[in-house]
Amino acid sequence: MNGDFKGNPIVIIKSNGNELTISSEGVPAFIYDNSTVVPISVLRNLGATVTWDANTYSVDISTTDSIVKQLFDEKIVTSGENVFYIQ
């Protein structure tokens, strides 16, 4: 952890031992209410394509082998035929 973001501890995200750049907007990954919050944009650094759909207020996250859809402000994520509930 390195510093804080709005009073919440910042965490460093690494992939294969290399620190990832979290976002160009300056929003870091941080711990909030005992959960780690990571900007979706970090997935771009892992090879995913992230697309915002302003018409449906959703974000589509695609990798070479899967597509994940997250509706804005909803606690449900779909990936193919799988549905995940975020707590």
PDB file of N, CA and C in Angstrom:
ATOM      1  N   MET A   1       0.842  -1.180   0.000  1.00  0.00           N
ATOM      2  CA  MET A   1       0.000   0.000   0.000  1.00  0.00           C
ATOM      3  C   MET A   1       0.881   1.234   0.000  1.00  0.00           C
ATOM      4  N   ASN A   2       0.393   2.259  -0.656  1.00  0.00           N
ATOM      5  CA  ASN A   2       1.187   3.460  -0.790  1.00  0.00           C
ATOM      6  C   ASN A   2       0.281   4.679  -0.701  1.00  0.00           C
ATOM      7  N   GLY A   3       0.179   5.303   0.467  1.00  0.00           N
ATOM      8  CA  GLY A   3      -0.634   6.504   0.615  1.00  0.00           C
ATOM      9  C   GLY A   3      -2.107   6.196   0.772  1.00  0.00           C
ATOM     10  N   ASP A   4      -2.932   7.227   0.496  1.00  0.00           N
ATOM     11  CA  ASP A   4      -4.375   7.016   0.575  1.00  0.00           C
ATOM     12  C   ASP A   4      -5.088   7.815  -0.506  1.00  0.00           C
ATOM     13  N   PHE A   5      -6.315   7.396  -0.795  1.00  0.00           N
ATOM     14  CA  PHE A   5      -7.182   8.058  -1.765  1.00  0.00           C
ATOM     15  C   PHE A   5      -8.481   8.372  -1.046  1.00  0.00           C
ATOM     16  N   LYS A   6      -8.719   9.648  -0.810  1.00  0.00           N
ATOM     17  CA  LYS A   6      -9.913  10.094  -0.087  1.00  0.00           C
ATOM     18  C   LYS A   6     -10.067   9.354   1.240  1.00  0.00           C
ATOM     19  N   GLY A   7      -8.940   9.160   1.920  1.00  0.00           N
ATOM     20  CA  GLY A   7      -8.956   8.514   3.229  1.00  0.00           C
ATOM     21  C   GLY A   7      -8.934   7.002   3.203  1.00  0.00           C
ATOM     22  N   ASN A   8      -8.861   6.397   2.017  1.00  0.00           N
ATOM     23  CA  ASN A   8      -8.834   4.940   1.884  1.00  0.00           C
ATOM     24  C   ASN A   8      -7.443   4.500   1.433  1.00  0.00           C
ATOM     25  N   PRO A   9      -6.900   3.409   1.997  1.00  0.00           N
ATOM     26  CA  PRO A   9      -5.557   2.959   1.630  1.00  0.00           C
ATOM     27  C   PRO A   9      -5.454   2.591   0.147  1.00  0.00           C
ATOM     28  N   ILE A  10      -4.397   3.067  -0.508  1.00  0.00           N
ATOM     29  CA  ILE A  10      -4.137   2.736  -1.911  1.00  0.00           C
ATOM     30  C   ILE A  10      -3.423   1.391  -1.976  1.00  0.00           C
ATOM     31  N   VAL A  11      -3.765   0.584  -2.982  1.00  0.00           N
ATOM     32  CA  VAL A  11      -3.070  -0.680  -3.215  1.00  0.00           C
ATOM     33  C   VAL A  11      -2.399  -0.630  -4.579  1.00  0.00           C
ATOM     34  N   ILE A  12      -1.331  -1.382  -4.719  1.00  0.00           N
ATOM     35  CA  ILE A  12      -0.607  -1.469  -5.983  1.00  0.00           C
ATOM     36  C   ILE A  12      -1.012  -2.773  -6.654  1.00  0.00           C
ATOM     37  N   ILE A  13      -1.390  -2.698  -7.923  1.00  0.00           N
ATOM     38  CA  ILE A  13      -1.801  -3.872  -8.692  1.00  0.00           C
ATOM     39  C   ILE A  13      -0.627  -4.293  -9.568  1.00  0.00           C
ATOM     40  N   LYS A  14      -0.284  -5.585  -9.528  1.00  0.00           N
ATOM     41  CA  LYS A  14       0.812  -6.105 -10.338  1.00  0.00           C
ATOM     42  C   LYS A  14       0.322  -7.259 -11.197  1.00  0.00           C
ATOM     43  N   SER A  15       0.936  -7.397 -12.367  1.00  0.00           N
ATOM     44  CA  SER A  15       0.692  -8.528 -13.249  1.00  0.00           C
ATOM     45  C   SER A  15       2.052  -9.084 -13.647  1.00  0.00           C
ATOM     46  N   ASN A  16       2.272 -10.354 -13.387  1.00  0.00           N
ATOM     47  CA  ASN A  16       3.566 -10.988 -13.649  1.00  0.00           C
ATOM     48  C   ASN A  16       4.715 -10.216 -13.017  1.00  0.00           C
ATOM     49  N   GLY A  17       4.489  -9.667 -11.824  1.00  0.00           N
ATOM     50  CA  GLY A  17       5.526  -8.949 -11.100  1.00  0.00           C
ATOM     51  C   GLY A  17       5.717  -7.502 -11.506  1.00  0.00           C
ATOM     52  N   ASN A  18       4.988  -7.044 -12.526  1.00  0.00           N
ATOM     53  CA  ASN A  18       5.111  -5.666 -13.003  1.00  0.00           C
ATOM     54  C   ASN A  18       3.936  -4.831 -12.522  1.00  0.00           C
ATOM     55  N   GLU A  19       4.236  -3.652 -11.981  1.00  0.00           N
ATOM     56  CA  GLU A  19       3.174  -2.759 -11.514  1.00  0.00           C
ATOM     57  C   GLU A  19       2.388  -2.226 -12.706  1.00  0.00           C
ATOM     58  N   LEU A  20       1.062  -2.291 -12.613  1.00  0.00           N
ATOM     59  CA  LEU A  20       0.204  -1.810 -13.690  1.00  0.00           C
ATOM     60  C   LEU A  20      -0.132  -0.339 -13.482  1.00  0.00           C
ATOM     61  N   THR A  21      -0.211   0.389 -14.583  1.00  0.00           N
ATOM     62  CA  THR A  21      -0.726   1.747 -14.540  1.00  0.00           C
ATOM     63  C   THR A  21      -2.228   1.618 -14.425  1.00  0.00           C
ATOM     64  N   ILE A  22      -2.800   2.212 -13.399  1.00  0.00           N
ATOM     65  CA  ILE A  22      -4.219   2.009 -13.128  1.00  0.00           C
ATOM     66  C   ILE A  22      -5.097   2.822 -14.058  1.00  0.00           C
ATOM     67  N   SER A  23      -4.936   4.136 -14.096  1.00  0.00           N
ATOM     68  CA  SER A  23      -5.765   4.943 -14.989  1.00  0.00           C
ATOM     69  C   SER A  23      -5.101   6.275 -15.252  1.00  0.00           C
ATOM     70  N   SER A  24      -5.370   6.815 -16.420  1.00  0.00           N
ATOM     71  CA  SER A  24      -4.813   8.126 -16.760  1.00  0.00           C
ATOM     72  C   SER A  24      -5.544   9.239 -16.015  1.00  0.00           C
ATOM     73  N   GLU A  25      -6.716   8.936 -15.455  1.00  0.00           N
ATOM     74  CA  GLU A  25      -7.498   9.934 -14.726  1.00  0.00           C
ATOM     75  C   GLU A  25      -7.003  10.110 -13.297  1.00  0.00           C
ATOM     76  N   GLY A  26      -6.044   9.312 -12.878  1.00  0.00           N
ATOM     77  CA  GLY A  26      -5.474   9.451 -11.548  1.00  0.00           C
ATOM     78  C   GLY A  26      -6.258   8.776 -10.438  1.00  0.00           C
ATOM     79  N   VAL A  27      -7.184   7.893 -10.789  1.00  0.00           N
ATOM     80  CA  VAL A  27      -7.942   7.169  -9.765  1.00  0.00           C
ATOM     81  C   VAL A  27      -7.222   5.849  -9.506  1.00  0.00           C
ATOM     82  N   PRO A  28      -6.679   5.665  -8.304  1.00  0.00           N
ATOM     83  CA  PRO A  28      -5.934   4.437  -8.011  1.00  0.00           C
ATOM     84  C   PRO A  28      -6.847   3.313  -7.547  1.00  0.00           C
ATOM     85  N   ALA A  29      -6.274   2.127  -7.429  1.00  0.00           N
ATOM     86  CA  ALA A  29      -6.965   1.036  -6.741  1.00  0.00           C
ATOM     87  C   ALA A  29      -6.857   1.334  -5.252  1.00  0.00           C
ATOM     88  N   PHE A  30      -7.928   1.059  -4.505  1.00  0.00           N
ATOM     89  CA  PHE A  30      -7.906   1.366  -3.076  1.00  0.00           C
ATOM     90  C   PHE A  30      -8.808   0.407  -2.321  1.00  0.00           C
ATOM     91  N   ILE A  31      -8.652   0.404  -1.008  1.00  0.00           N
ATOM     92  CA  ILE A  31      -9.480  -0.442  -0.151  1.00  0.00           C
ATOM     93  C   ILE A  31     -10.606   0.406   0.420  1.00  0.00           C
ATOM     94  N   TYR A  32     -11.848  -0.076   0.256  1.00  0.00           N
ATOM     95  CA  TYR A  32     -13.024   0.615   0.781  1.00  0.00           C
ATOM     96  C   TYR A  32     -13.936  -0.420   1.422  1.00  0.00           C
ATOM     97  N   ASP A  33     -14.258  -0.222   2.673  1.00  0.00           N
ATOM     98  CA  ASP A  33     -15.175  -1.107   3.387  1.00  0.00           C
ATOM     99  C   ASP A  33     -14.739  -2.577   3.273  1.00  0.00           C
ATOM    100  N   ASN A  34     -13.439  -2.818   3.486  1.00  0.00           N
ATOM    101  CA  ASN A  34     -12.837  -4.154   3.444  1.00  0.00           C
ATOM    102  C   ASN A  34     -12.867  -4.819   2.075  1.00  0.00           C
ATOM    103  N   SER A  35     -13.072  -4.048   1.007  1.00  0.00           N
ATOM    104  CA  SER A  35     -13.021  -4.578  -0.355  1.00  0.00           C
ATOM    105  C   SER A  35     -12.025  -3.763  -1.168  1.00  0.00           C
ATOM    106  N   THR A  36     -11.343  -4.412  -2.108  1.00  0.00           N
ATOM    107  CA  THR A  36     -10.433  -3.700  -2.995  1.00  0.00           C
ATOM    108  C   THR A  36     -11.214  -3.209  -4.203  1.00  0.00           C
ATOM    109  N   VAL A  37     -11.138  -1.909  -4.461  1.00  0.00           N
ATOM    110  CA  VAL A  37     -11.831  -1.276  -5.582  1.00  0.00           C
ATOM    111  C   VAL A  37     -10.782  -0.989  -6.657  1.00  0.00           C
ATOM    112  N   VAL A  38     -10.987  -1.535  -7.853  1.00  0.00           N
ATOM    113  CA  VAL A  38     -10.041  -1.365  -8.952  1.00  0.00           C
ATOM    114  C   VAL A  38     -10.786  -0.763 -10.137  1.00  0.00           C
ATOM    115  N   PRO A  39     -10.287   0.345 -10.706  1.00  0.00           N
ATOM    116  CA  PRO A  39     -10.943   0.906 -11.891  1.00  0.00           C
ATOM    117  C   PRO A  39     -10.979  -0.124 -13.024  1.00  0.00           C
ATOM    118  N   ILE A  40     -12.083  -0.190 -13.724  1.00  0.00           N
ATOM    119  CA  ILE A  40     -12.226  -1.140 -14.828  1.00  0.00           C
ATOM    120  C   ILE A  40     -11.167  -0.907 -15.892  1.00  0.00           C
ATOM    121  N   SER A  41     -10.691   0.326 -16.013  1.00  0.00           N
ATOM    122  CA  SER A  41      -9.684   0.632 -17.031  1.00  0.00           C
ATOM    123  C   SER A  41      -8.402  -0.183 -16.855  1.00  0.00           C
ATOM    124  N   VAL A  42      -8.143  -0.714 -15.668  1.00  0.00           N
ATOM    125  CA  VAL A  42      -6.944  -1.530 -15.457  1.00  0.00           C
ATOM    126  C   VAL A  42      -6.982  -2.783 -16.327  1.00  0.00           C
ATOM    127  N   LEU A  43      -8.168  -3.222 -16.706  1.00  0.00           N
ATOM    128  CA  LEU A  43      -8.288  -4.417 -17.540  1.00  0.00           C
ATOM    129  C   LEU A  43      -7.657  -4.222 -18.910  1.00  0.00           C
ATOM    130  N   ARG A  44      -7.604  -2.971 -19.377  1.00  0.00           N
ATOM    131  CA  ARG A  44      -6.923  -2.694 -20.652  1.00  0.00           C
ATOM    132  C   ARG A  44      -5.459  -3.111 -20.575  1.00  0.00           C
ATOM    133  N   ASN A  45      -4.843  -2.897 -19.411  1.00  0.00           N
ATOM    134  CA  ASN A  45      -3.440  -3.272 -19.235  1.00  0.00           C
ATOM    135  C   ASN A  45      -3.241  -4.778 -19.196  1.00  0.00           C
ATOM    136  N   LEU A  46      -4.324  -5.514 -19.045  1.00  0.00           N
ATOM    137  CA  LEU A  46      -4.258  -6.973 -19.042  1.00  0.00           C
ATOM    138  C   LEU A  46      -4.694  -7.552 -20.382  1.00  0.00           C
ATOM    139  N   GLY A  47      -4.845  -6.681 -21.396  1.00  0.00           N
ATOM    140  CA  GLY A  47      -5.165  -7.133 -22.740  1.00  0.00           C
ATOM    141  C   GLY A  47      -6.637  -7.148 -23.090  1.00  0.00           C
ATOM    142  N   ALA A  48      -7.496  -6.675 -22.207  1.00  0.00           N
ATOM    143  CA  ALA A  48      -8.935  -6.662 -22.491  1.00  0.00           C
ATOM    144  C   ALA A  48      -9.312  -5.391 -23.248  1.00  0.00           C
ATOM    145  N   THR A  49     -10.393  -5.468 -23.972  1.00  0.00           N
ATOM    146  CA  THR A  49     -10.984  -4.302 -24.614  1.00  0.00           C
ATOM    147  C   THR A  49     -12.148  -3.863 -23.741  1.00  0.00           C
ATOM    148  N   VAL A  50     -12.159  -2.585 -23.365  1.00  0.00           N
ATOM    149  CA  VAL A  50     -13.202  -2.041 -22.498  1.00  0.00           C
ATOM    150  C   VAL A  50     -13.951  -0.975 -23.282  1.00  0.00           C
ATOM    151  N   THR A  51     -15.272  -1.141 -23.415  1.00  0.00           N
ATOM    152  CA  THR A  51     -16.083  -0.211 -24.194  1.00  0.00           C
ATOM    153  C   THR A  51     -17.275   0.250 -23.372  1.00  0.00           C
ATOM    154  N   TRP A  52     -17.461   1.569 -23.286  1.00  0.00           N
ATOM    155  CA  TRP A  52     -18.599   2.155 -22.580  1.00  0.00           C
ATOM    156  C   TRP A  52     -19.740   2.357 -23.564  1.00  0.00           C
ATOM    157  N   ASP A  53     -20.943   1.899 -23.216  1.00  0.00           N
ATOM    158  CA  ASP A  53     -22.140   2.090 -24.035  1.00  0.00           C
ATOM    159  C   ASP A  53     -23.032   3.102 -23.328  1.00  0.00           C
ATOM    160  N   ALA A  54     -23.015   4.344 -23.813  1.00  0.00           N
ATOM    161  CA  ALA A  54     -23.774   5.422 -23.176  1.00  0.00           C
ATOM    162  C   ALA A  54     -25.280   5.226 -23.305  1.00  0.00           C
ATOM    163  N   ASN A  55     -25.732   4.483 -24.311  1.00  0.00           N
ATOM    164  CA  ASN A  55     -27.171   4.256 -24.487  1.00  0.00           C
ATOM    165  C   ASN A  55     -27.749   3.351 -23.408  1.00  0.00           C
ATOM    166  N   THR A  56     -26.988   2.346 -23.002  1.00  0.00           N
ATOM    167  CA  THR A  56     -27.490   1.385 -22.012  1.00  0.00           C
ATOM    168  C   THR A  56     -26.824   1.550 -20.648  1.00  0.00           C
ATOM    169  N   TYR A  57     -25.935   2.534 -20.536  1.00  0.00           N
ATOM    170  CA  TYR A  57     -25.182   2.744 -19.287  1.00  0.00           C
ATOM    171  C   TYR A  57     -24.528   1.443 -18.837  1.00  0.00           C
ATOM    172  N   SER A  58     -23.809   0.821 -19.759  1.00  0.00           N
ATOM    173  CA  SER A  58     -23.131  -0.429 -19.439  1.00  0.00           C
ATOM    174  C   SER A  58     -21.718  -0.402 -20.000  1.00  0.00           C
ATOM    175  N   VAL A  59     -20.890  -1.268 -19.472  1.00  0.00           N
ATOM    176  CA  VAL A  59     -19.530  -1.413 -19.972  1.00  0.00           C
ATOM    177  C   VAL A  59     -19.369  -2.848 -20.451  1.00  0.00           C
ATOM    178  N   ASP A  60     -18.793  -3.003 -21.638  1.00  0.00           N
ATOM    179  CA  ASP A  60     -18.489  -4.323 -22.182  1.00  0.00           C
ATOM    180  C   ASP A  60     -16.991  -4.546 -22.059  1.00  0.00           C
ATOM    181  N   ILE A  61     -16.618  -5.674 -21.484  1.00  0.00           N
ATOM    182  CA  ILE A  61     -15.221  -6.039 -21.307  1.00  0.00           C
ATOM    183  C   ILE A  61     -14.992  -7.310 -22.107  1.00  0.00           C
ATOM    184  N   SER A  62     -14.083  -7.250 -23.088  1.00  0.00           N
ATOM    185  CA  SER A  62     -13.835  -8.397 -23.956  1.00  0.00           C
ATOM    186  C   SER A  62     -12.377  -8.820 -23.877  1.00  0.00           C
ATOM    187  N   THR A  63     -12.173 -10.127 -23.834  1.00  0.00           N
ATOM    188  CA  THR A  63     -10.841 -10.696 -23.989  1.00  0.00           C
ATOM    189  C   THR A  63     -10.919 -11.612 -25.195  1.00  0.00           C
ATOM    190  N   THR A  64      -9.836 -12.263 -25.514  1.00  0.00           N
ATOM    191  CA  THR A  64      -9.853 -13.132 -26.685  1.00  0.00           C
ATOM    192  C   THR A  64     -10.804 -14.309 -26.528  1.00  0.00           C
ATOM    193  N   ASP A  65     -11.159 -14.663 -25.281  1.00  0.00           N
ATOM    194  CA  ASP A  65     -12.006 -15.837 -25.088  1.00  0.00           C
ATOM    195  C   ASP A  65     -13.289 -15.598 -24.298  1.00  0.00           C
ATOM    196  N   SER A  66     -13.582 -14.341 -23.919  1.00  0.00           N
ATOM    197  CA  SER A  66     -14.836 -14.103 -23.206  1.00  0.00           C
ATOM    198  C   SER A  66     -15.253 -12.642 -23.288  1.00  0.00           C
ATOM    199  N   ILE A  67     -16.534 -12.412 -23.047  1.00  0.00           N
ATOM    200  CA  ILE A  67     -17.091 -11.062 -22.989  1.00  0.00           C
ATOM    201  C   ILE A  67     -17.850 -10.939 -21.676  1.00  0.00           C
ATOM    202  N   VAL A  68     -17.607  -9.862 -20.954  1.00  0.00           N
ATOM    203  CA  VAL A  68     -18.288  -9.595 -19.687  1.00  0.00           C
ATOM    204  C   VAL A  68     -19.065  -8.308 -19.849  1.00  0.00           C
ATOM    205  N   LYS A  69     -20.288  -8.271 -19.360  1.00  0.00           N
ATOM    206  CA  LYS A  69     -21.103  -7.060 -19.437  1.00  0.00           C
ATOM    207  C   LYS A  69     -21.486  -6.646 -18.027  1.00  0.00           C
ATOM    208  N   GLN A  70     -21.243  -5.384 -17.687  1.00  0.00           N
ATOM    209  CA  GLN A  70     -21.590  -4.824 -16.377  1.00  0.00           C
ATOM    210  C   GLN A  70     -22.469  -3.611 -16.609  1.00  0.00           C
ATOM    211  N   LEU A  71     -23.677  -3.638 -16.095  1.00  0.00           N
ATOM    212  CA  LEU A  71     -24.566  -2.491 -16.187  1.00  0.00           C
ATOM    213  C   LEU A  71     -24.187  -1.485 -15.120  1.00  0.00           C
ATOM    214  N   PHE A  72     -24.168  -0.216 -15.486  1.00  0.00           N
ATOM    215  CA  PHE A  72     -23.785   0.839 -14.560  1.00  0.00           C
ATOM    216  C   PHE A  72     -24.702   0.829 -13.352  1.00  0.00           C
ATOM    217  N   ASP A  73     -24.113   0.900 -12.181  1.00  0.00           N
ATOM    218  CA  ASP A  73     -24.827   0.988 -10.909  1.00  0.00           C
ATOM    219  C   ASP A  73     -25.686  -0.244 -10.613  1.00  0.00           C
ATOM    220  N   GLU A  74     -25.373  -1.366 -11.224  1.00  0.00           N
ATOM    221  CA  GLU A  74     -26.075  -2.614 -10.938  1.00  0.00           C
ATOM    222  C   GLU A  74     -25.102  -3.574 -10.268  1.00  0.00           C
ATOM    223  N   LYS A  75     -25.616  -4.536  -9.559  1.00  0.00           N
ATOM    224  CA  LYS A  75     -24.769  -5.503  -8.877  1.00  0.00           C
ATOM    225  C   LYS A  75     -24.814  -6.852  -9.571  1.00  0.00           C
ATOM    226  N   ILE A  76     -25.002  -6.826 -10.886  1.00  0.00           N
ATOM    227  CA  ILE A  76     -25.044  -8.054 -11.668  1.00  0.00           C
ATOM    228  C   ILE A  76     -24.044  -7.926 -12.812  1.00  0.00           C
ATOM    229  N   VAL A  77     -23.248  -8.973 -13.015  1.00  0.00           N
ATOM    230  CA  VAL A  77     -22.305  -9.032 -14.121  1.00  0.00           C
ATOM    231  C   VAL A  77     -22.621 -10.294 -14.900  1.00  0.00           C
ATOM    232  N   THR A  78     -22.669 -10.194 -16.228  1.00  0.00           N
ATOM    233  CA  THR A  78     -22.889 -11.379 -17.044  1.00  0.00           C
ATOM    234  C   THR A  78     -21.634 -11.674 -17.851  1.00  0.00           C
ATOM    235  N   SER A  79     -21.345 -12.947 -18.010  1.00  0.00           N
ATOM    236  CA  SER A  79     -20.228 -13.404 -18.822  1.00  0.00           C
ATOM    237  C   SER A  79     -20.697 -14.653 -19.546  1.00  0.00           C
ATOM    238  N   GLY A  80     -21.001 -14.491 -20.820  1.00  0.00           N
ATOM    239  CA  GLY A  80     -21.573 -15.611 -21.558  1.00  0.00           C
ATOM    240  C   GLY A  80     -22.911 -15.969 -20.948  1.00  0.00           C
ATOM    241  N   GLU A  81     -23.060 -17.225 -20.553  1.00  0.00           N
ATOM    242  CA  GLU A  81     -24.301 -17.663 -19.915  1.00  0.00           C
ATOM    243  C   GLU A  81     -24.243 -17.548 -18.397  1.00  0.00           C
ATOM    244  N   ASN A  82     -23.107 -17.136 -17.851  1.00  0.00           N
ATOM    245  CA  ASN A  82     -22.939 -17.021 -16.404  1.00  0.00           C
ATOM    246  C   ASN A  82     -23.382 -15.650 -15.912  1.00  0.00           C
ATOM    247  N   VAL A  83     -24.047 -15.628 -14.773  1.00  0.00           N
ATOM    248  CA  VAL A  83     -24.472 -14.385 -14.131  1.00  0.00           C
ATOM    249  C   VAL A  83     -23.848 -14.347 -12.747  1.00  0.00           C
ATOM    250  N   PHE A  84     -23.191 -13.231 -12.428  1.00  0.00           N
ATOM    251  CA  PHE A  84     -22.534 -13.069 -11.135  1.00  0.00           C
ATOM    252  C   PHE A  84     -23.178 -11.917 -10.397  1.00  0.00           C
ATOM    253  N   TYR A  85     -23.382 -12.081  -9.109  1.00  0.00           N
ATOM    254  CA  TYR A  85     -23.949 -11.033  -8.267  1.00  0.00           C
ATOM    255  C   TYR A  85     -22.840 -10.451  -7.416  1.00  0.00           C
ATOM    256  N   ILE A  86     -22.676  -9.144  -7.470  1.00  0.00           N
ATOM    257  CA  ILE A  86     -21.623  -8.458  -6.726  1.00  0.00           C
ATOM    258  C   ILE A  86     -22.193  -7.983  -5.408  1.00  0.00           C
ATOM    259  N   GLN A  87     -21.497  -8.295  -4.325  1.00  0.00           N
ATOM    260  CA  GLN A  87     -21.947  -7.856  -3.004  1.00  0.00           C
ATOM    261  C   GLN A  87     -21.116  -6.704  -2.536  1.00  0.00           C
TER     262      GLN A  87
END
